[in-house]
Amino acid sequence: MNFLIFASTLVFGFIIAIAVSRSNKTAAAQQQKYWQKEMAANNTRRKPLDDLDYIKLPMEIFPMDLLPDVPKVNDYRQIILSLAECPIVNFTGISNTDLKLRYGAPNIELLTSYDQNYTLLVRTVQQWAQALYDAGHMAEACQLLEFAVSTGTDVSGTYRLLCEIYHKQGTPDKIAGLLPIAESLNSAMKKPIVRILQEADQSSC
């Protein structure tokens, strides 16, 4: 009996050792591949940015005259006005390495600033829309949220609030139209957002 236990332990240990060895080799290969790609990216020369999908702010949808006495709304208003003069591009889900390979290493700081502008944009739009909704300006909040969705935002609160508005407006059928957009997101938030929409859509049946 002791021999069987000893033999089983040896076999089990041998299997574990093989699995760990394979895992280490795979990790080492992946790391080597990453550094090779990063080296190639860092050596990529500057390329034109003509094909970037720049986001233009539709200033007419931003309710500049609403809630003038709310400090945080004034902050949102100023942020949007400043962003209107800046290049904005959504690079969600695209690594710096891939950006350097596509557009050249010398452009990475510029591209990063474009992406940071986008992040600031969708967060500000979400917060402004929430403030409008809380104050009873549902239609104006809806406009902002629909614009954010059209840019490919992965802010889950934007989709959640938009679903709530569609329900209250008596247009829950619009929720199904958001699903293809969510399913095309290049983001780690894709699955949670799809789940939010599916649950909201089912609750309207």
Foldseek 3Di string as FASTA:
>chain_A
DVVVVVVVVVVVVVVVVVVVVVVVVVVVVVVVVVVVLQVLLQPFAAADPVPFPWDADPVVLQPPPPPPVDVLLVVLVVLVVVLNPPTAGAPALPDLSNVSNVGNPVCSVVVVVNNVSLVSQLVSLLVNLVVCVVVPNLVSSLSSLVSNLVRLDLPLSSLLVNLVSCVVVVNNVCLVVSLVSLCPHSHPSSVVSNVSSVVSSVVVD
